[in-house]
N, C-alpha and C. Protein backbone atom coordinates (compact mmCIF):
# COMPACT_ATOMS: atom_id res chain seq x y z
N UNK A 1 -19.94 117.24 -84.32
CA UNK A 1 -19.97 115.82 -84.56
C UNK A 1 -19.45 114.97 -83.50
N UNK A 2 -20.16 113.89 -83.27
CA UNK A 2 -19.70 113.03 -82.11
C UNK A 2 -19.01 111.80 -82.75
N UNK A 3 -17.88 111.55 -82.29
CA UNK A 3 -16.83 110.41 -82.79
C UNK A 3 -17.73 109.02 -82.67
N UNK A 4 -17.70 108.17 -83.71
CA UNK A 4 -18.20 106.74 -83.50
C UNK A 4 -17.75 106.05 -82.39
N UNK A 5 -16.41 106.26 -81.95
CA UNK A 5 -16.06 105.63 -80.93
C UNK A 5 -16.75 105.73 -79.62
N UNK A 6 -17.56 106.82 -79.43
CA UNK A 6 -18.27 106.84 -78.29
C UNK A 6 -19.71 106.20 -78.45
N UNK A 7 -20.03 105.20 -79.28
CA UNK A 7 -21.00 104.55 -79.41
C UNK A 7 -20.52 103.05 -79.39
N UNK A 8 -21.33 102.19 -78.74
CA UNK A 8 -21.24 100.68 -79.14
C UNK A 8 -21.69 100.50 -80.52
N UNK A 9 -21.00 99.76 -81.17
CA UNK A 9 -21.43 99.81 -82.71
C UNK A 9 -21.48 98.03 -82.97
N UNK A 10 -22.58 97.85 -83.36
CA UNK A 10 -22.99 96.25 -83.72
C UNK A 10 -23.53 96.34 -85.23
N UNK A 11 -22.66 95.12 -85.75
CA UNK A 11 -22.92 94.74 -87.16
C UNK A 11 -24.00 93.48 -86.99
N UNK A 12 -25.13 93.72 -87.46
CA UNK A 12 -26.10 92.73 -87.59
C UNK A 12 -26.05 91.85 -88.75
N UNK A 13 -25.01 91.21 -88.91
CA UNK A 13 -24.62 90.44 -90.00
C UNK A 13 -23.56 89.60 -89.70
N UNK A 14 -23.53 88.29 -90.33
CA UNK A 14 -22.35 87.36 -90.16
C UNK A 14 -21.40 87.56 -91.29
N UNK A 15 -21.68 88.34 -92.25
CA UNK A 15 -20.92 88.26 -93.63
C UNK A 15 -19.49 88.62 -93.38
N UNK A 16 -18.51 87.70 -93.81
CA UNK A 16 -17.16 88.11 -93.45
C UNK A 16 -16.69 89.32 -94.61
N UNK A 17 -17.49 89.48 -95.80
CA UNK A 17 -17.06 90.65 -96.39
C UNK A 17 -17.58 91.95 -95.63
N UNK A 18 -18.47 92.01 -94.92
CA UNK A 18 -18.93 93.31 -94.26
C UNK A 18 -17.90 93.46 -93.27
N UNK A 19 -17.72 92.20 -92.51
CA UNK A 19 -16.48 92.57 -91.45
C UNK A 19 -15.27 92.99 -91.79
N UNK A 20 -14.83 92.61 -93.06
CA UNK A 20 -13.42 93.15 -93.53
C UNK A 20 -13.49 94.51 -93.91
N UNK A 21 -14.70 94.91 -94.42
CA UNK A 21 -14.76 96.24 -94.98
C UNK A 21 -14.80 97.33 -93.80
N UNK A 22 -15.57 96.88 -92.56
CA UNK A 22 -15.77 97.90 -91.74
C UNK A 22 -14.15 97.97 -90.83
N UNK A 23 -13.42 96.66 -90.76
CA UNK A 23 -12.29 96.75 -90.28
C UNK A 23 -11.32 97.70 -91.04
N UNK A 24 -11.59 97.59 -92.44
CA UNK A 24 -10.82 98.39 -93.27
C UNK A 24 -10.68 99.87 -92.93
N UNK A 25 -11.94 100.37 -92.60
CA UNK A 25 -11.81 101.83 -92.21
C UNK A 25 -11.70 102.12 -90.68
N UNK A 26 -11.40 101.17 -89.86
CA UNK A 26 -11.33 101.47 -88.54
C UNK A 26 -12.28 101.40 -87.58
N UNK A 27 -13.45 100.69 -87.94
CA UNK A 27 -14.76 100.86 -87.09
C UNK A 27 -14.61 99.62 -86.25
N UNK A 28 -14.80 99.98 -84.99
CA UNK A 28 -14.66 98.60 -84.03
C UNK A 28 -16.10 98.39 -83.78
N UNK A 29 -16.38 96.90 -83.93
CA UNK A 29 -17.70 96.46 -83.71
C UNK A 29 -17.84 95.11 -83.12
N UNK A 30 -18.90 94.74 -82.56
CA UNK A 30 -19.32 93.17 -82.34
C UNK A 30 -20.45 92.95 -83.14
N UNK A 31 -20.63 91.64 -83.43
CA UNK A 31 -21.63 91.03 -84.16
C UNK A 31 -22.93 90.50 -83.29
N UNK A 32 -24.02 90.66 -83.85
CA UNK A 32 -25.16 90.03 -83.57
C UNK A 32 -25.98 89.55 -84.75
N UNK A 33 -26.09 88.33 -85.01
CA UNK A 33 -26.70 87.75 -86.32
C UNK A 33 -28.18 87.80 -86.17
N UNK A 34 -29.09 88.50 -86.81
CA UNK A 34 -30.45 88.38 -86.55
C UNK A 34 -31.07 87.20 -86.82
N UNK A 35 -32.07 86.81 -86.05
CA UNK A 35 -32.74 85.61 -86.46
C UNK A 35 -34.13 85.94 -87.11
N UNK A 36 -33.65 86.02 -88.53
CA UNK A 36 -34.82 86.65 -89.36
C UNK A 36 -34.89 86.10 -90.81
N UNK A 37 -36.09 85.80 -91.05
CA UNK A 37 -36.14 84.71 -92.61
C UNK A 37 -36.19 85.66 -93.71
N UNK A 38 -35.15 85.58 -94.53
CA UNK A 38 -34.97 86.60 -95.54
C UNK A 38 -35.52 86.10 -96.78
N UNK A 39 -37.06 86.12 -96.73
CA UNK A 39 -37.51 85.47 -97.94
C UNK A 39 -38.44 86.58 -98.56
N UNK A 40 -38.33 86.57 -99.92
CA UNK A 40 -39.05 87.35 -100.75
C UNK A 40 -40.66 87.29 -100.82
N UNK A 41 -41.39 88.09 -100.65
CA UNK A 41 -42.79 87.91 -100.67
C UNK A 41 -43.22 87.87 -102.13
N UNK A 42 -44.09 87.19 -102.42
CA UNK A 42 -44.77 87.05 -103.82
C UNK A 42 -44.97 88.31 -104.48
N UNK A 43 -44.36 88.55 -105.46
CA UNK A 43 -44.64 89.83 -106.39
C UNK A 43 -43.82 91.22 -105.80
N UNK A 44 -42.99 91.05 -104.58
CA UNK A 44 -42.36 92.10 -104.07
C UNK A 44 -41.29 92.64 -104.85
N UNK A 45 -41.32 94.07 -105.08
CA UNK A 45 -40.20 94.57 -105.81
C UNK A 45 -38.85 94.45 -105.25
N UNK A 46 -37.90 94.16 -105.91
CA UNK A 46 -36.55 93.96 -105.42
C UNK A 46 -35.86 94.93 -104.49
N UNK A 47 -36.21 96.13 -104.80
CA UNK A 47 -35.50 97.13 -103.98
C UNK A 47 -36.34 97.28 -102.38
N UNK A 48 -37.68 97.10 -102.63
CA UNK A 48 -38.59 96.97 -101.30
C UNK A 48 -38.19 95.88 -100.58
N UNK A 49 -37.86 94.54 -101.28
CA UNK A 49 -37.63 93.37 -100.59
C UNK A 49 -36.09 93.77 -99.82
N UNK A 50 -35.15 94.30 -100.45
CA UNK A 50 -33.91 94.42 -99.83
C UNK A 50 -33.98 95.48 -98.73
N UNK A 51 -34.70 96.54 -98.62
CA UNK A 51 -34.94 97.60 -97.62
C UNK A 51 -35.72 96.75 -96.45
N UNK A 52 -36.62 96.04 -96.85
CA UNK A 52 -37.54 95.25 -95.76
C UNK A 52 -36.43 94.35 -95.03
N UNK A 53 -35.71 93.59 -95.64
CA UNK A 53 -34.69 92.79 -94.91
C UNK A 53 -33.70 93.71 -94.06
N UNK A 54 -33.35 94.72 -94.64
CA UNK A 54 -32.21 95.32 -93.89
C UNK A 54 -32.77 96.08 -92.88
N UNK A 55 -34.00 96.67 -92.98
CA UNK A 55 -34.70 97.24 -91.49
C UNK A 55 -35.04 96.35 -90.73
N UNK A 56 -35.61 95.36 -91.00
CA UNK A 56 -36.31 94.14 -90.27
C UNK A 56 -34.97 93.60 -89.31
N UNK A 57 -33.82 93.43 -89.98
CA UNK A 57 -32.63 92.92 -89.20
C UNK A 57 -32.04 94.02 -88.06
N UNK A 58 -32.20 95.06 -88.65
CA UNK A 58 -31.77 96.10 -87.46
C UNK A 58 -32.70 96.13 -86.28
N UNK A 59 -33.90 96.22 -86.59
CA UNK A 59 -35.02 96.36 -85.71
C UNK A 59 -35.03 95.10 -84.74
N UNK A 60 -34.75 93.74 -85.28
CA UNK A 60 -34.74 92.75 -84.56
C UNK A 60 -33.63 92.78 -83.53
N UNK A 61 -32.21 93.19 -83.99
CA UNK A 61 -31.21 93.38 -83.25
C UNK A 61 -31.48 94.34 -81.86
N UNK A 62 -32.13 95.43 -82.29
CA UNK A 62 -32.55 96.66 -81.49
C UNK A 62 -33.50 95.96 -80.16
N UNK A 63 -34.30 95.24 -80.59
CA UNK A 63 -35.35 94.78 -79.75
C UNK A 63 -34.59 93.63 -78.79
N UNK A 64 -33.97 92.94 -79.42
CA UNK A 64 -32.90 91.85 -78.57
C UNK A 64 -32.02 92.60 -77.71
N UNK A 65 -31.47 93.51 -77.94
CA UNK A 65 -30.67 94.33 -76.97
C UNK A 65 -31.47 94.90 -75.77
N UNK A 66 -32.72 95.63 -76.18
CA UNK A 66 -33.61 96.08 -75.21
C UNK A 66 -34.05 94.82 -74.28
N UNK A 67 -34.53 93.72 -74.76
CA UNK A 67 -34.77 92.47 -74.06
C UNK A 67 -33.76 92.02 -73.01
N UNK A 68 -32.42 92.00 -73.69
CA UNK A 68 -31.39 91.54 -72.90
C UNK A 68 -30.78 92.27 -71.89
N UNK A 69 -30.77 93.81 -72.17
CA UNK A 69 -29.98 94.46 -71.29
C UNK A 69 -31.04 95.28 -70.43
N UNK A 70 -32.13 95.71 -70.82
CA UNK A 70 -33.16 96.47 -70.15
C UNK A 70 -32.54 97.83 -69.65
N UNK A 71 -32.47 98.25 -68.38
CA UNK A 71 -32.17 99.33 -68.02
C UNK A 71 -30.67 99.72 -68.01
N UNK A 72 -29.97 98.76 -68.46
CA UNK A 72 -28.49 98.60 -68.48
C UNK A 72 -28.01 99.04 -69.91
N UNK A 73 -28.89 99.27 -70.98
CA UNK A 73 -28.62 99.65 -72.29
C UNK A 73 -27.91 100.69 -72.36
N UNK A 74 -26.88 100.99 -73.28
CA UNK A 74 -26.12 102.00 -73.37
C UNK A 74 -26.33 102.37 -74.98
N UNK A 75 -25.85 103.60 -75.32
CA UNK A 75 -26.10 104.11 -76.65
C UNK A 75 -25.50 103.19 -77.42
N UNK A 76 -26.33 103.00 -78.59
CA UNK A 76 -25.80 101.72 -79.62
C UNK A 76 -26.28 102.13 -80.85
N UNK A 77 -25.23 101.77 -81.69
CA UNK A 77 -25.65 101.75 -83.36
C UNK A 77 -25.43 100.60 -83.88
N UNK A 78 -26.57 100.28 -84.61
CA UNK A 78 -26.77 99.01 -85.41
C UNK A 78 -26.63 99.11 -86.83
N UNK A 79 -25.77 98.59 -87.53
CA UNK A 79 -25.78 98.40 -88.95
C UNK A 79 -26.23 97.05 -89.43
N UNK A 80 -27.13 97.13 -90.44
CA UNK A 80 -27.56 95.92 -91.01
C UNK A 80 -27.64 96.42 -92.53
N UNK A 81 -27.61 95.17 -93.28
CA UNK A 81 -27.69 95.35 -94.84
C UNK A 81 -28.21 94.19 -95.57
N UNK A 82 -28.83 94.15 -96.63
CA UNK A 82 -29.08 93.14 -97.49
C UNK A 82 -28.96 93.36 -98.79
N UNK A 83 -27.95 92.63 -99.54
CA UNK A 83 -27.41 92.82 -100.73
C UNK A 83 -28.15 91.74 -101.74
N UNK A 84 -28.51 92.28 -102.91
CA UNK A 84 -29.06 91.29 -103.77
C UNK A 84 -28.59 91.72 -105.36
N UNK A 85 -28.77 90.80 -106.29
CA UNK A 85 -28.35 90.77 -107.56
C UNK A 85 -29.59 90.88 -108.56
N UNK A 86 -29.79 91.89 -109.22
CA UNK A 86 -31.14 92.05 -109.96
C UNK A 86 -30.85 91.97 -111.45
N UNK A 87 -31.48 91.17 -112.08
CA UNK A 87 -31.22 91.10 -113.65
C UNK A 87 -32.72 91.12 -114.30
N UNK A 88 -33.03 91.96 -115.30
CA UNK A 88 -34.18 92.09 -115.84
C UNK A 88 -35.51 91.85 -114.84
N UNK A 89 -35.27 92.62 -113.65
CA UNK A 89 -36.42 92.45 -112.65
C UNK A 89 -36.45 91.16 -111.75
N UNK A 90 -35.55 90.33 -111.97
CA UNK A 90 -35.53 88.81 -111.30
C UNK A 90 -34.42 89.13 -110.24
N UNK A 91 -34.71 88.54 -109.05
CA UNK A 91 -33.71 88.63 -107.95
C UNK A 91 -32.98 87.27 -107.95
N UNK A 92 -31.66 87.48 -108.16
CA UNK A 92 -30.60 86.35 -108.30
C UNK A 92 -30.14 86.03 -106.79
N UNK A 93 -30.71 85.25 -106.01
CA UNK A 93 -30.09 84.56 -104.75
C UNK A 93 -28.96 83.84 -104.72
N UNK A 94 -28.57 83.48 -103.48
CA UNK A 94 -27.35 82.54 -103.42
C UNK A 94 -27.88 81.37 -104.24
N UNK A 95 -26.92 80.59 -105.00
CA UNK A 95 -27.24 79.61 -105.77
C UNK A 95 -27.40 78.45 -104.70
N UNK A 96 -28.46 77.54 -105.24
CA UNK A 96 -28.84 76.23 -104.47
C UNK A 96 -27.65 75.16 -104.41
N UNK A 97 -27.01 75.20 -105.84
CA UNK A 97 -25.80 74.26 -105.96
C UNK A 97 -25.15 74.55 -107.02
N UNK A 98 -24.18 73.77 -107.47
CA UNK A 98 -23.21 74.08 -108.70
C UNK A 98 -23.88 74.37 -109.88
N UNK A 99 -24.93 73.72 -110.16
CA UNK A 99 -25.88 73.68 -111.37
C UNK A 99 -26.37 75.00 -111.37
N UNK A 100 -27.05 75.40 -110.33
CA UNK A 100 -27.81 76.72 -110.18
C UNK A 100 -26.87 77.91 -110.51
N UNK A 101 -25.69 77.60 -109.80
CA UNK A 101 -24.46 78.75 -110.15
C UNK A 101 -24.15 78.90 -111.56
N UNK A 102 -24.07 77.70 -112.04
CA UNK A 102 -23.61 77.81 -113.73
C UNK A 102 -24.88 78.54 -114.46
N UNK A 103 -25.97 78.18 -114.09
CA UNK A 103 -27.43 78.54 -114.84
C UNK A 103 -27.39 80.24 -114.50
N UNK A 104 -26.97 80.72 -113.32
CA UNK A 104 -27.14 82.25 -112.93
C UNK A 104 -26.04 82.93 -113.85
N UNK A 105 -24.90 82.28 -113.90
CA UNK A 105 -23.75 82.94 -114.54
C UNK A 105 -23.94 83.05 -115.92
N UNK A 106 -24.42 81.81 -116.42
CA UNK A 106 -24.78 82.08 -117.95
C UNK A 106 -25.95 83.18 -118.31
N UNK A 107 -26.68 83.61 -117.35
CA UNK A 107 -27.77 84.55 -117.51
C UNK A 107 -27.16 85.87 -117.34
N UNK A 108 -25.98 86.02 -116.55
CA UNK A 108 -25.34 87.19 -116.30
C UNK A 108 -24.22 87.66 -117.29
N UNK A 109 -23.72 86.40 -118.09
CA UNK A 109 -22.83 86.66 -119.07
C UNK A 109 -22.99 87.61 -120.17
N UNK A 110 -22.19 88.49 -120.41
CA UNK A 110 -22.17 89.55 -121.57
C UNK A 110 -23.50 90.67 -121.20
N UNK A 111 -23.84 90.84 -120.06
CA UNK A 111 -24.98 91.72 -119.64
C UNK A 111 -24.77 92.57 -118.35
N UNK A 112 -25.49 93.56 -118.34
CA UNK A 112 -25.28 94.60 -117.15
C UNK A 112 -26.60 94.14 -116.17
N UNK A 113 -26.23 94.06 -114.88
CA UNK A 113 -27.22 93.65 -113.82
C UNK A 113 -27.02 94.84 -112.84
N UNK A 114 -27.86 94.76 -112.00
CA UNK A 114 -27.59 95.90 -110.79
C UNK A 114 -27.81 95.32 -109.45
N UNK A 115 -26.69 95.61 -108.68
CA UNK A 115 -26.62 95.08 -107.52
C UNK A 115 -27.16 96.26 -106.61
N UNK A 116 -28.10 95.76 -105.81
CA UNK A 116 -28.88 96.56 -104.84
C UNK A 116 -28.50 96.18 -103.29
N UNK A 117 -28.32 97.21 -102.54
CA UNK A 117 -28.28 97.04 -101.02
C UNK A 117 -28.93 97.85 -100.38
N UNK A 118 -29.91 97.34 -99.62
CA UNK A 118 -30.77 97.96 -98.55
C UNK A 118 -29.92 98.19 -97.39
N UNK A 119 -29.43 99.40 -97.05
CA UNK A 119 -28.47 99.78 -95.88
C UNK A 119 -29.30 100.42 -94.91
N UNK A 120 -29.29 100.01 -93.61
CA UNK A 120 -30.05 100.65 -92.45
C UNK A 120 -29.06 100.70 -91.18
N UNK A 121 -29.39 101.93 -90.76
CA UNK A 121 -28.64 102.17 -89.41
C UNK A 121 -29.78 102.45 -88.49
N UNK A 122 -29.52 101.75 -87.24
CA UNK A 122 -30.65 101.88 -86.24
C UNK A 122 -29.72 102.07 -84.97
N UNK A 123 -30.25 103.45 -84.25
CA UNK A 123 -29.89 103.88 -83.28
C UNK A 123 -30.72 103.50 -81.88
N UNK A 124 -30.14 102.97 -80.83
CA UNK A 124 -31.02 102.69 -79.45
C UNK A 124 -30.11 103.40 -78.51
N UNK A 125 -30.98 104.28 -77.64
CA UNK A 125 -30.42 104.94 -76.50
C UNK A 125 -30.69 104.23 -75.18
N UNK A 126 -30.06 104.67 -74.18
CA UNK A 126 -30.32 104.20 -72.78
C UNK A 126 -31.83 104.27 -72.38
N UNK A 127 -32.42 105.14 -73.14
CA UNK A 127 -34.11 105.13 -72.63
C UNK A 127 -34.82 104.32 -73.61
N UNK A 128 -34.16 103.28 -74.44
CA UNK A 128 -34.73 102.49 -75.18
C UNK A 128 -35.49 103.11 -76.42
N UNK A 129 -35.12 104.36 -76.57
CA UNK A 129 -35.74 104.85 -78.15
C UNK A 129 -35.00 104.25 -79.14
N UNK A 130 -35.47 104.25 -80.09
CA UNK A 130 -34.95 103.54 -81.37
C UNK A 130 -35.31 104.62 -82.74
N UNK A 131 -34.14 104.78 -83.15
CA UNK A 131 -34.07 105.76 -84.51
C UNK A 131 -33.54 105.03 -85.71
N UNK A 132 -34.40 104.96 -86.60
CA UNK A 132 -33.77 104.11 -87.71
C UNK A 132 -33.83 105.01 -88.91
N UNK A 133 -32.81 104.70 -89.73
CA UNK A 133 -32.60 105.41 -91.01
C UNK A 133 -32.13 104.26 -92.15
N UNK A 134 -32.88 104.60 -93.43
CA UNK A 134 -32.36 103.45 -94.44
C UNK A 134 -32.38 103.91 -95.79
N UNK A 135 -31.50 103.37 -96.51
CA UNK A 135 -31.70 103.80 -98.01
C UNK A 135 -31.19 102.52 -98.97
N UNK A 136 -31.56 102.67 -100.13
CA UNK A 136 -31.30 101.67 -101.15
C UNK A 136 -30.18 102.09 -101.98
N UNK A 137 -28.85 101.43 -101.92
CA UNK A 137 -27.88 101.74 -103.02
C UNK A 137 -27.82 100.94 -104.12
N UNK A 138 -27.46 101.59 -105.32
CA UNK A 138 -27.65 100.89 -106.50
C UNK A 138 -26.28 100.71 -107.37
N UNK A 139 -25.56 99.77 -108.00
CA UNK A 139 -24.67 99.76 -108.60
C UNK A 139 -24.89 99.13 -109.82
N UNK A 140 -24.42 99.42 -111.06
CA UNK A 140 -24.62 98.64 -112.36
C UNK A 140 -23.27 98.03 -112.65
N UNK A 141 -23.41 96.66 -112.81
CA UNK A 141 -22.17 96.01 -112.99
C UNK A 141 -22.33 95.07 -114.40
N UNK A 142 -21.20 95.32 -115.36
CA UNK A 142 -21.24 94.55 -116.66
C UNK A 142 -20.57 93.49 -116.60
N UNK A 143 -20.92 92.18 -116.94
CA UNK A 143 -19.91 90.93 -116.87
C UNK A 143 -19.62 90.79 -118.36
N UNK A 144 -18.39 90.23 -118.64
CA UNK A 144 -17.89 90.09 -119.89
C UNK A 144 -18.65 88.75 -120.57
N UNK A 145 -18.62 88.54 -121.61
CA UNK A 145 -19.16 87.41 -122.09
C UNK A 145 -18.36 86.21 -121.96
N UNK A 146 -19.07 84.99 -121.26
CA UNK A 146 -18.24 83.74 -120.72
C UNK A 146 -18.57 82.62 -121.58
N UNK A 147 -17.75 81.86 -121.97
CA UNK A 147 -18.01 80.63 -122.45
C UNK A 147 -18.66 79.54 -121.65
N UNK A 148 -19.35 78.70 -121.69
CA UNK A 148 -19.93 77.69 -120.74
C UNK A 148 -18.77 77.10 -120.00
N UNK A 149 -17.53 76.73 -120.73
CA UNK A 149 -16.50 76.06 -120.09
C UNK A 149 -15.69 76.65 -119.07
N UNK A 150 -15.83 78.09 -119.50
CA UNK A 150 -15.13 79.13 -118.27
C UNK A 150 -16.02 79.14 -117.14
N UNK A 151 -17.48 79.33 -117.17
CA UNK A 151 -18.27 79.37 -116.30
C UNK A 151 -18.18 78.06 -115.53
N UNK A 152 -18.09 76.95 -115.95
CA UNK A 152 -18.00 75.83 -115.07
C UNK A 152 -16.81 75.60 -114.41
N UNK A 153 -15.74 76.20 -115.07
CA UNK A 153 -14.33 76.32 -114.20
C UNK A 153 -14.19 77.03 -113.03
N UNK A 154 -15.01 78.35 -113.30
CA UNK A 154 -15.22 79.19 -111.98
C UNK A 154 -16.01 78.69 -110.86
N UNK A 155 -17.03 77.99 -111.45
CA UNK A 155 -17.98 77.41 -110.31
C UNK A 155 -17.25 76.33 -109.59
N UNK A 156 -16.43 75.54 -110.14
CA UNK A 156 -15.73 74.34 -109.63
C UNK A 156 -14.44 75.04 -108.52
N UNK A 157 -14.23 76.20 -108.40
CA UNK A 157 -13.39 76.77 -107.63
C UNK A 157 -14.21 76.87 -106.24
N UNK A 158 -15.59 76.93 -106.26
CA UNK A 158 -16.33 76.89 -105.17
C UNK A 158 -16.76 78.29 -104.77
N UNK A 159 -15.99 79.25 -104.93
CA UNK A 159 -16.17 80.71 -104.72
C UNK A 159 -17.70 81.12 -104.77
N UNK A 160 -18.30 80.78 -105.95
CA UNK A 160 -19.71 81.42 -106.21
C UNK A 160 -20.67 80.82 -105.18
N UNK A 161 -20.55 79.73 -104.70
CA UNK A 161 -21.61 78.96 -103.77
C UNK A 161 -22.38 79.74 -102.68
N UNK A 162 -21.82 80.72 -102.16
CA UNK A 162 -22.34 81.32 -101.05
C UNK A 162 -22.68 82.90 -101.36
N UNK A 163 -22.52 83.11 -102.73
CA UNK A 163 -22.72 84.74 -102.97
C UNK A 163 -24.05 84.79 -103.90
N UNK A 164 -24.55 85.84 -103.46
CA UNK A 164 -25.78 86.24 -104.43
C UNK A 164 -25.37 86.65 -105.77
N UNK A 165 -25.99 85.91 -106.66
CA UNK A 165 -25.56 86.25 -108.16
C UNK A 165 -24.57 85.26 -108.55
N UNK A 166 -23.88 84.52 -107.56
CA UNK A 166 -22.79 83.27 -107.89
C UNK A 166 -21.48 84.00 -108.37
N UNK A 167 -21.06 85.23 -107.87
CA UNK A 167 -19.96 85.73 -108.27
C UNK A 167 -19.37 86.66 -107.09
N UNK A 168 -18.10 86.64 -106.74
CA UNK A 168 -17.58 87.71 -105.88
C UNK A 168 -16.57 88.48 -106.72
N UNK A 169 -16.92 89.89 -106.43
CA UNK A 169 -16.08 90.95 -107.15
C UNK A 169 -14.69 90.97 -106.43
N UNK A 170 -14.63 90.78 -105.17
CA UNK A 170 -13.44 90.94 -104.23
C UNK A 170 -12.49 89.70 -104.45
N UNK A 171 -12.93 88.58 -104.98
CA UNK A 171 -12.34 87.37 -105.27
C UNK A 171 -11.94 86.91 -106.54
N UNK A 172 -12.01 85.87 -107.00
CA UNK A 172 -11.64 85.40 -108.20
C UNK A 172 -12.62 85.91 -109.43
N UNK A 173 -13.77 86.14 -108.92
CA UNK A 173 -14.67 86.63 -109.95
C UNK A 173 -14.52 87.92 -110.38
N UNK A 174 -13.54 88.79 -109.50
CA UNK A 174 -13.06 90.07 -110.14
C UNK A 174 -12.95 90.17 -111.78
N UNK A 175 -12.25 88.94 -112.23
CA UNK A 175 -11.96 88.86 -113.64
C UNK A 175 -13.12 89.12 -114.64
N UNK A 176 -14.17 88.75 -114.20
CA UNK A 176 -15.31 88.77 -115.24
C UNK A 176 -15.81 90.07 -115.33
N UNK A 177 -15.79 90.99 -114.31
CA UNK A 177 -16.27 92.33 -114.28
C UNK A 177 -15.76 93.34 -115.44
N UNK A 178 -16.35 93.56 -116.48
CA UNK A 178 -15.78 94.43 -117.24
C UNK A 178 -16.08 96.12 -117.19
N UNK A 179 -17.29 96.35 -116.28
CA UNK A 179 -17.34 97.69 -115.93
C UNK A 179 -18.23 97.81 -114.75
N UNK A 180 -18.13 98.86 -114.08
CA UNK A 180 -18.73 98.95 -112.74
C UNK A 180 -19.10 100.42 -112.91
N UNK A 181 -20.39 100.77 -112.53
CA UNK A 181 -21.06 102.16 -112.46
C UNK A 181 -21.53 102.36 -110.80
N UNK A 182 -20.94 102.96 -110.21
CA UNK A 182 -21.36 103.13 -108.76
C UNK A 182 -20.47 102.70 -107.70
N UNK A 183 -20.86 102.36 -106.50
CA UNK A 183 -20.18 102.03 -105.47
C UNK A 183 -19.62 100.59 -105.71
N UNK A 184 -18.11 100.33 -105.65
CA UNK A 184 -17.53 99.19 -105.52
C UNK A 184 -17.81 98.32 -104.26
N UNK A 185 -17.69 99.02 -103.15
CA UNK A 185 -17.90 98.17 -101.89
C UNK A 185 -19.50 97.83 -101.69
N UNK A 186 -20.42 98.49 -102.47
CA UNK A 186 -21.65 98.05 -102.46
C UNK A 186 -21.68 96.70 -103.03
N UNK A 187 -21.11 96.50 -104.28
CA UNK A 187 -21.05 95.15 -104.76
C UNK A 187 -20.38 94.14 -103.75
N UNK A 188 -19.42 94.48 -103.06
CA UNK A 188 -18.89 93.58 -102.20
C UNK A 188 -19.91 93.43 -100.88
N UNK A 189 -20.65 94.12 -100.78
CA UNK A 189 -21.99 93.74 -99.66
C UNK A 189 -22.13 95.06 -98.78
N UNK A 190 -21.38 96.12 -98.84
CA UNK A 190 -21.50 97.17 -97.88
C UNK A 190 -20.94 98.53 -98.35
N UNK A 191 -21.96 99.49 -98.79
CA UNK A 191 -21.65 100.67 -99.38
C UNK A 191 -21.19 101.82 -98.34
N UNK A 192 -19.79 101.64 -98.15
CA UNK A 192 -19.21 102.39 -97.35
C UNK A 192 -19.34 103.87 -97.15
N UNK A 193 -19.42 104.76 -98.20
CA UNK A 193 -19.61 106.21 -98.49
C UNK A 193 -21.01 106.49 -98.07
N UNK A 194 -21.92 105.62 -98.56
CA UNK A 194 -23.31 105.89 -97.99
C UNK A 194 -23.60 105.69 -96.63
N UNK A 195 -23.01 104.70 -96.32
CA UNK A 195 -22.99 104.28 -94.63
C UNK A 195 -22.68 105.63 -94.08
N UNK A 196 -21.37 106.05 -94.28
CA UNK A 196 -20.95 107.25 -93.57
C UNK A 196 -21.67 108.64 -93.77
N UNK A 197 -22.30 108.61 -94.87
CA UNK A 197 -22.93 109.63 -95.20
C UNK A 197 -24.25 109.74 -94.28
N UNK A 198 -25.03 108.51 -93.96
CA UNK A 198 -26.02 108.52 -93.22
C UNK A 198 -25.58 108.90 -91.67
N UNK A 199 -24.40 108.32 -91.26
CA UNK A 199 -24.04 108.60 -90.03
C UNK A 199 -23.91 109.98 -89.88
N UNK A 200 -23.11 110.79 -90.51
CA UNK A 200 -23.02 112.15 -90.50
C UNK A 200 -24.25 112.83 -90.60
N UNK A 201 -24.94 112.89 -91.78
CA UNK A 201 -26.12 113.71 -91.83
C UNK A 201 -27.45 113.18 -91.00
N UNK A 202 -27.54 112.15 -90.58
CA UNK A 202 -28.75 111.74 -89.88
C UNK A 202 -28.55 111.54 -88.65
N UNK A 203 -27.44 111.13 -88.16
CA UNK A 203 -27.05 110.96 -86.88
C UNK A 203 -25.93 111.95 -85.92
N UNK A 204 -25.57 112.59 -86.88
CA UNK A 204 -24.49 113.60 -86.39
C UNK A 204 -23.33 112.93 -86.07
N UNK A 205 -22.83 111.68 -86.59
CA UNK A 205 -21.65 110.96 -85.85
C UNK A 205 -20.58 110.96 -87.04
N UNK A 206 -19.33 111.04 -86.50
CA UNK A 206 -18.21 111.29 -87.44
C UNK A 206 -17.22 110.11 -87.05
N UNK A 207 -16.45 109.44 -88.19
CA UNK A 207 -15.98 108.48 -88.59
C UNK A 207 -14.76 108.40 -87.59
N UNK A 208 -14.26 109.53 -87.43
CA UNK A 208 -12.96 109.75 -86.90
C UNK A 208 -12.99 110.64 -85.39
N UNK A 209 -11.99 110.62 -84.80
CA UNK A 209 -11.89 111.20 -83.54
C UNK A 209 -12.15 112.71 -83.48
N UNK A 210 -11.73 113.56 -84.43
CA UNK A 210 -11.91 114.95 -84.46
C UNK A 210 -12.53 115.31 -85.64
N UNK A 211 -13.05 116.45 -85.81
CA UNK A 211 -13.41 116.97 -87.15
C UNK A 211 -13.21 118.48 -87.30
């Protein structure tokens, strides 16, 4: 196994939640935000949508590095991800406004939904060869029944307005989650155990300095 510290590690995301999770496990990284339009195609399966977004982000960053650095490119790992909330086959994106957040949470109240993350790791070596591995990670989340007044009060905190599904399990929204089946960090936005599995099994890269 090769220690991850021997690679340049790039996070292809500006998400503060993903930043925090990587720092929590000691990964040093820099950020390049992909210039990629995350728009669902008509009739596109939610899992296919999440995977397409995550792989496209990683490949965009890889091509950008090749363009910028050319022959000066060093061995690099790129992490990209896309997390969506799915209820009865519908994808619940970030709310457009407070009224949209109230509507979404009303739909989630008392029900179990699925959080899906398209998770991609893209390696670029000094010879400009690109290797990409992706998988979809699923977590079932059950939200307690909530009266309209409670939903409106939570939305007034402002927390839901930039979150897929209009809630944050790592923030005030934790109170509404009555059950979770699967990866907690997946719901936050980055399934760490699955990321480490891909690094080890697909790339031979170890999180720690020795194994």
